[in-house]
Protein backbone atom coordinates (compact mmCIF):
# COMPACT_ATOMS: atom_id res chain seq x y z
CA MET A 1 0.00 0.00 0.00
CA ASP A 2 1.37 3.41 -0.96
CA ILE A 3 1.19 6.12 1.70
CA LEU A 4 0.48 9.51 0.20
CA PRO A 5 0.67 12.88 2.04
CA GLN A 6 -3.11 13.23 1.97
CA ASP A 7 -3.38 9.88 3.77
CA LEU A 8 -1.65 11.20 6.89
CA ASN A 9 -4.82 12.81 8.24
CA VAL A 10 -3.33 15.47 10.52
CA LYS A 11 -5.96 16.37 13.10
CA VAL A 12 -6.27 18.66 16.10
CA LEU A 13 -8.39 18.17 19.21
CA LYS A 14 -9.26 21.20 21.35
CA GLY A 15 -10.60 21.48 24.87
CA VAL A 16 -11.29 24.41 27.20
CA VAL A 17 -10.98 24.43 30.99
CA SER A 18 -11.79 26.99 33.64
CA TYR A 19 -10.52 27.61 37.15
CA ALA A 20 -14.00 26.57 38.34
CA ASN A 21 -13.78 23.04 36.86
CA THR A 22 -13.36 20.10 39.23
CA SER A 23 -9.88 18.69 38.62
CA PRO A 24 -8.93 16.55 36.80
CA VAL A 25 -11.03 17.63 33.82
CA THR A 26 -11.65 15.26 30.92
CA VAL A 27 -11.34 17.61 27.95
CA PHE A 28 -11.83 15.12 25.10
CA LYS A 29 -11.27 11.52 24.09
CA ILE A 30 -8.09 10.63 22.21
CA PRO A 31 -9.24 8.20 19.51
CA ALA A 32 -7.77 4.77 18.90
CA GLY A 33 -5.19 4.99 16.11
CA ALA A 34 -4.00 8.49 17.13
CA TYR A 35 -0.25 9.10 16.79
CA VAL A 36 0.30 12.23 18.91
CA VAL A 37 3.07 14.53 17.69
CA SER A 38 2.55 17.68 19.74
CA ALA A 39 0.48 19.43 22.39
CA MET A 40 -0.10 23.05 23.37
CA ILE A 41 -1.79 25.06 26.11
CA ASN A 42 -3.06 28.59 25.53
CA ILE A 43 -3.68 30.59 28.71
CA ARG A 44 -6.58 32.81 27.59
CA THR A 45 -7.46 34.31 30.96
CA LEU A 46 -4.80 34.51 33.66
CA PHE A 47 -5.20 32.07 36.54
CA ALA A 48 -5.51 33.94 39.83
CA GLY A 49 -5.35 32.53 43.31
CA THR A 50 -2.81 30.78 45.51
CA SER A 51 -0.19 28.85 43.51
CA PRO A 52 -2.28 27.98 40.42
CA THR A 53 -1.04 25.13 38.21
CA VAL A 54 -2.17 23.58 34.93
CA ALA A 55 -0.92 20.28 33.47
CA PHE A 56 -2.02 18.34 30.37
CA GLY A 57 -1.90 14.57 29.94
CA ASP A 58 -4.10 11.52 29.77
CA GLU A 59 -5.84 9.29 32.29
CA ASP A 60 -2.60 7.34 32.84
CA THR A 61 -0.09 10.21 33.21
CA ALA A 62 -1.46 13.62 34.20
CA GLU A 63 1.62 15.50 32.92
CA GLY A 64 2.30 13.25 29.93
CA PHE A 65 1.98 16.02 27.34
CA ILE A 66 2.79 19.24 29.22
CA PRO A 67 3.89 19.31 32.86
CA GLU A 68 2.75 22.08 35.20
CA ALA A 69 6.35 23.34 35.49
CA SER A 70 6.24 24.33 31.80
CA VAL A 71 3.24 26.65 32.15
CA THR A 72 3.19 30.13 33.70
CA GLU A 73 -0.48 30.33 34.61
CA GLY A 74 -0.29 34.02 35.48
CA THR A 75 0.98 34.96 32.00
CA ALA A 76 -1.28 34.79 28.96
CA GLY A 77 0.06 32.98 25.91
CA TRP A 78 1.06 29.66 24.39
CA TYR A 79 2.94 26.91 26.21
CA PRO A 80 5.40 25.37 26.01
CA THR A 81 7.33 28.42 24.85
CA GLY A 82 10.47 28.70 22.78
CA GLY A 83 10.05 25.38 21.00
CA GLU A 84 12.14 23.60 23.61
CA SER A 85 11.38 19.88 23.60
CA THR A 86 12.42 19.68 27.25
CA SER A 87 9.27 21.64 28.11
CA TYR A 88 7.09 18.70 27.05
CA GLY A 89 6.04 15.78 29.22
CA ALA A 90 7.33 12.20 28.98
CA TYR A 91 4.98 11.34 26.08
CA LEU A 92 6.64 13.88 23.79
CA TYR A 93 10.22 14.16 25.08
CA ASP A 94 12.88 12.10 26.80
CA SER A 95 16.49 13.03 27.50
CA THR A 96 17.90 10.13 25.46
CA LYS A 97 15.70 10.05 22.38
CA LYS A 98 14.81 13.77 22.55
CA LYS A 99 11.55 14.24 20.59
CA VAL A 100 9.25 11.24 20.96
CA PHE A 101 5.64 10.55 20.03
CA LYS A 102 2.72 8.71 21.63
CA PHE A 103 0.58 6.09 19.86
CA TYR A 104 -2.87 5.19 21.16
CA PRO A 105 -4.00 1.69 20.13
CA ALA A 106 -7.19 2.24 22.17
CA GLU A 107 -9.25 5.29 23.07
CA LYS A 108 -8.15 7.26 26.17
CA ASN A 109 -9.35 10.33 28.02
CA ALA A 110 -7.25 13.48 27.72
CA ILE A 111 -7.19 15.34 31.02
CA VAL A 112 -6.16 18.71 32.38
CA THR A 113 -5.21 18.92 36.03
CA ILE A 114 -5.78 22.28 37.71
CA GLY A 115 -4.07 22.90 41.02
CA GLY A 116 -3.85 25.66 43.57
CA SER A 117 -6.31 27.05 46.07
CA ASP A 118 -8.71 29.95 46.29
CA LEU A 119 -8.73 30.29 42.49
CA THR A 120 -10.82 33.23 41.27
CA ALA A 121 -10.05 33.32 37.53
CA GLY A 122 -8.43 31.39 34.73
CA ILE A 123 -9.28 29.87 31.36
CA ALA A 124 -7.02 27.64 29.29
CA GLU A 125 -7.38 26.00 25.90
CA VAL A 126 -5.55 22.73 25.27
CA TYR A 127 -4.67 21.33 21.87
CA LEU A 128 -3.49 17.89 20.82
CA ILE A 129 -2.01 17.49 17.34
CA TYR A 130 -1.97 13.97 15.92
CA PHE A 131 -1.94 11.80 12.83
CA ASP A 132 -4.99 9.57 12.41
CA LEU A 133 -3.40 6.26 11.42
CA ASN A 134 -6.69 4.40 11.10
CA PRO A 135 -6.85 4.69 7.28
CA LEU A 136 -3.35 3.18 7.11
CA ILE A 137 -3.82 0.28 9.53
CA ALA A 138 -4.15 -2.98 7.62
CA GLU A 139 -7.21 -5.11 8.09
CA PRO A 140 -6.59 -8.78 8.99
CA GLY A 141 -5.72 -10.69 5.83
CA GLU A 142 -5.07 -7.51 3.79
CA TYR A 143 -1.47 -8.52 3.04
């Protein structure tokens, strides 16, 4: 089977969380066959309160995509900043292999964990960029 650029099916999932959500927040389902290549958080409204934190991962590893240490919740903008792979979680970076990717053979919940106390404001958008490999996965007996 030939794999053409149009077969790669680049997709983006988006979720929105608020300081008022009960943490952890399931923001969307990551579909089976997703090959995750990147993740981003956009702080739309500054988080206010005592020691606010935001992390992005899945139901297995809360900081798998973006750890809380890589997000400045009191500063609006996109995270991680500067394109540094080290700002990503274990699903997208390791110190030996550098940039890594995460394949999902089965559906999983994507979660955002919001920490801190006495929060009074804060809205974040989370994005997951992935290839949908389902059109490329061979059916039994196809070969």
